[in-house]
Amino acid sequence: MRIDIITVVPELLKSPFEASIMQRSIAKGLVEVHFHNLRDYATNTYKQVDDYQYGGGAGMVMMIEPIDKCIS
């Protein structure tokens, strides 16, 4: 089984896969886990992957360009 995880903090998410049942599954070759840092696919020099909402209000939304590049 292959698991692909798209994230902006791959270091934070790697630790659960280095222990317990997941670690044994990876060691046996039953599972492959691939982390994709979304900032590697950002288009600007600041590695920005989120932006303000078009309608205003609180919060941020993910930009589609880095996600599309990562998936493609």
N, C-alpha and C. Protein backbone atom coordinates (compact mmCIF):
# COMPACT_ATOMS: atom_id res chain seq x y z
N MET A 1 0.84 -1.16 0.00
CA MET A 1 0.00 0.00 0.00
C MET A 1 0.89 1.24 0.00
N ARG A 2 0.51 2.21 -0.79
CA ARG A 2 1.26 3.46 -0.85
C ARG A 2 0.40 4.58 -0.27
N ILE A 3 0.99 5.34 0.64
CA ILE A 3 0.30 6.47 1.25
C ILE A 3 1.08 7.73 0.90
N ASP A 4 0.44 8.69 0.26
CA ASP A 4 1.04 9.98 -0.06
C ASP A 4 0.39 11.04 0.80
N ILE A 5 1.21 11.82 1.50
CA ILE A 5 0.71 12.86 2.39
C ILE A 5 1.25 14.20 1.92
N ILE A 6 0.35 15.12 1.64
CA ILE A 6 0.71 16.48 1.24
C ILE A 6 0.56 17.36 2.47
N THR A 7 1.64 18.06 2.85
CA THR A 7 1.62 18.84 4.08
C THR A 7 2.58 20.02 3.99
N VAL A 8 2.41 20.98 4.87
CA VAL A 8 3.38 22.08 4.96
C VAL A 8 4.34 21.85 6.12
N VAL A 9 4.10 20.82 6.92
CA VAL A 9 4.98 20.48 8.04
C VAL A 9 5.31 18.98 8.03
N PRO A 10 6.10 18.51 7.07
CA PRO A 10 6.39 17.07 7.00
C PRO A 10 7.14 16.55 8.23
N GLU A 11 7.97 17.38 8.85
CA GLU A 11 8.73 16.94 10.02
C GLU A 11 7.79 16.57 11.17
N LEU A 12 6.70 17.30 11.29
CA LEU A 12 5.75 17.05 12.36
C LEU A 12 4.99 15.75 12.14
N LEU A 13 4.70 15.42 10.90
CA LEU A 13 3.89 14.25 10.61
C LEU A 13 4.68 12.96 10.44
N LYS A 14 6.00 13.05 10.35
CA LYS A 14 6.80 11.84 10.16
C LYS A 14 6.89 11.00 11.43
N SER A 15 6.86 11.62 12.59
CA SER A 15 7.08 10.88 13.83
C SER A 15 6.05 9.77 14.10
N PRO A 16 4.76 9.94 13.81
CA PRO A 16 3.85 8.81 14.05
C PRO A 16 4.15 7.58 13.18
N PHE A 17 4.80 7.79 12.05
CA PHE A 17 5.11 6.67 11.16
C PHE A 17 6.43 6.00 11.51
N GLU A 18 7.13 6.54 12.51
CA GLU A 18 8.41 5.97 12.93
C GLU A 18 8.28 5.16 14.21
N ALA A 19 7.06 4.85 14.59
CA ALA A 19 6.84 4.10 15.83
C ALA A 19 5.66 3.15 15.66
N SER A 20 5.64 2.18 16.51
CA SER A 20 4.47 1.32 16.64
C SER A 20 4.18 0.48 15.41
N ILE A 21 2.90 0.28 15.13
CA ILE A 21 2.44 -0.60 14.06
C ILE A 21 2.88 -0.10 12.70
N MET A 22 2.83 1.19 12.49
CA MET A 22 3.22 1.74 11.18
C MET A 22 4.69 1.47 10.89
N GLN A 23 5.55 1.60 11.88
CA GLN A 23 6.97 1.33 11.68
C GLN A 23 7.20 -0.12 11.26
N ARG A 24 6.51 -1.04 11.90
CA ARG A 24 6.65 -2.46 11.55
C ARG A 24 6.13 -2.74 10.15
N SER A 25 5.03 -2.10 9.78
CA SER A 25 4.47 -2.29 8.44
C SER A 25 5.41 -1.77 7.37
N ILE A 26 6.04 -0.62 7.63
CA ILE A 26 7.00 -0.05 6.68
C ILE A 26 8.23 -0.95 6.58
N ALA A 27 8.72 -1.44 7.71
CA ALA A 27 9.90 -2.30 7.72
C ALA A 27 9.66 -3.61 6.96
N LYS A 28 8.45 -4.13 7.02
CA LYS A 28 8.11 -5.36 6.30
C LYS A 28 7.81 -5.12 4.83
N GLY A 29 7.74 -3.86 4.43
CA GLY A 29 7.45 -3.54 3.04
C GLY A 29 5.98 -3.59 2.69
N LEU A 30 5.13 -3.62 3.69
CA LEU A 30 3.69 -3.65 3.45
C LEU A 30 3.13 -2.27 3.11
N VAL A 31 3.81 -1.24 3.61
CA VAL A 31 3.34 0.13 3.43
C VAL A 31 4.49 1.01 2.99
N GLU A 32 4.24 1.89 2.03
CA GLU A 32 5.18 2.94 1.63
C GLU A 32 4.54 4.27 1.97
N VAL A 33 5.27 5.12 2.67
CA VAL A 33 4.74 6.43 3.03
C VAL A 33 5.62 7.49 2.37
N HIS A 34 5.00 8.38 1.60
CA HIS A 34 5.71 9.45 0.92
C HIS A 34 5.15 10.79 1.39
N PHE A 35 6.03 11.65 1.87
CA PHE A 35 5.62 12.98 2.32
C PHE A 35 6.00 13.99 1.25
N HIS A 36 5.07 14.86 0.92
CA HIS A 36 5.30 15.90 -0.07
C HIS A 36 5.14 17.25 0.63
N ASN A 37 6.22 18.02 0.68
CA ASN A 37 6.18 19.34 1.29
C ASN A 37 5.54 20.30 0.29
N LEU A 38 4.38 20.83 0.62
CA LEU A 38 3.64 21.69 -0.29
C LEU A 38 4.43 22.95 -0.63
N ARG A 39 5.28 23.40 0.28
CA ARG A 39 6.07 24.62 0.02
C ARG A 39 7.08 24.42 -1.11
N ASP A 40 7.46 23.19 -1.39
CA ASP A 40 8.37 22.92 -2.51
C ASP A 40 7.72 23.23 -3.86
N TYR A 41 6.41 23.31 -3.89
CA TYR A 41 5.67 23.55 -5.13
C TYR A 41 5.12 24.97 -5.21
N ALA A 42 5.48 25.83 -4.26
CA ALA A 42 5.01 27.22 -4.27
C ALA A 42 5.63 27.98 -5.43
N THR A 43 4.90 28.98 -5.90
CA THR A 43 5.36 29.72 -7.08
C THR A 43 6.11 30.99 -6.74
N ASN A 44 6.02 31.49 -5.51
CA ASN A 44 6.72 32.74 -5.19
C ASN A 44 7.95 32.47 -4.32
N THR A 45 8.74 33.49 -4.11
CA THR A 45 10.00 33.32 -3.37
C THR A 45 9.78 33.11 -1.87
N TYR A 46 8.59 33.44 -1.37
CA TYR A 46 8.30 33.28 0.06
C TYR A 46 7.75 31.89 0.38
N LYS A 47 7.59 31.05 -0.64
CA LYS A 47 7.05 29.69 -0.46
C LYS A 47 5.65 29.73 0.15
N GLN A 48 4.87 30.72 -0.24
CA GLN A 48 3.51 30.89 0.29
C GLN A 48 2.56 29.89 -0.35
N VAL A 49 1.76 29.22 0.47
CA VAL A 49 0.81 28.23 -0.03
C VAL A 49 -0.63 28.54 0.38
N ASP A 50 -0.82 29.62 1.13
CA ASP A 50 -2.18 30.01 1.51
C ASP A 50 -2.40 31.48 1.17
N ASP A 51 -3.66 31.88 1.14
CA ASP A 51 -4.02 33.24 0.77
C ASP A 51 -5.31 33.61 1.49
N TYR A 52 -5.64 34.90 1.45
CA TYR A 52 -6.87 35.36 2.08
C TYR A 52 -8.09 34.93 1.27
N GLN A 53 -9.22 34.85 1.94
CA GLN A 53 -10.47 34.50 1.27
C GLN A 53 -10.89 35.63 0.34
N TYR A 54 -11.53 35.28 -0.75
CA TYR A 54 -12.01 36.30 -1.68
C TYR A 54 -13.18 37.08 -1.10
N GLY A 55 -14.00 36.45 -0.30
CA GLY A 55 -15.16 37.11 0.27
C GLY A 55 -14.87 37.86 1.56
N GLY A 56 -13.64 37.80 2.02
CA GLY A 56 -13.29 38.44 3.29
C GLY A 56 -13.59 37.52 4.46
N GLY A 57 -13.41 38.03 5.63
CA GLY A 57 -13.67 37.25 6.84
C GLY A 57 -12.39 36.67 7.41
N ALA A 58 -12.56 35.96 8.50
CA ALA A 58 -11.41 35.38 9.20
C ALA A 58 -10.93 34.10 8.53
N GLY A 59 -9.66 33.84 8.66
CA GLY A 59 -9.10 32.59 8.15
C GLY A 59 -8.41 32.72 6.81
N MET A 60 -7.74 31.66 6.45
CA MET A 60 -7.00 31.60 5.19
C MET A 60 -7.45 30.35 4.44
N VAL A 61 -7.19 30.33 3.13
CA VAL A 61 -7.51 29.16 2.30
C VAL A 61 -6.24 28.74 1.56
N MET A 62 -6.17 27.47 1.22
CA MET A 62 -5.01 26.96 0.50
C MET A 62 -5.08 27.41 -0.96
N MET A 63 -3.94 27.76 -1.53
CA MET A 63 -3.86 28.14 -2.94
C MET A 63 -3.89 26.86 -3.78
N ILE A 64 -4.57 26.91 -4.90
CA ILE A 64 -4.72 25.71 -5.73
C ILE A 64 -3.45 25.41 -6.54
N GLU A 65 -2.66 26.42 -6.90
CA GLU A 65 -1.50 26.20 -7.76
C GLU A 65 -0.49 25.22 -7.16
N PRO A 66 -0.06 25.40 -5.89
CA PRO A 66 0.89 24.43 -5.32
C PRO A 66 0.30 23.02 -5.20
N ILE A 67 -0.97 22.93 -4.88
CA ILE A 67 -1.61 21.62 -4.76
C ILE A 67 -1.66 20.93 -6.12
N ASP A 68 -2.02 21.69 -7.15
CA ASP A 68 -2.08 21.13 -8.50
C ASP A 68 -0.71 20.65 -8.97
N LYS A 69 0.33 21.44 -8.71
CA LYS A 69 1.70 21.04 -9.09
C LYS A 69 2.13 19.78 -8.35
N CYS A 70 1.77 19.68 -7.09
CA CYS A 70 2.16 18.52 -6.29
C CYS A 70 1.47 17.25 -6.79
N ILE A 71 0.21 17.35 -7.11
CA ILE A 71 -0.53 16.18 -7.57
C ILE A 71 -0.11 15.76 -8.97
N SER A 72 0.23 16.73 -9.80
CA SER A 72 0.58 16.42 -11.20
C SER A 72 1.93 15.85 -11.34
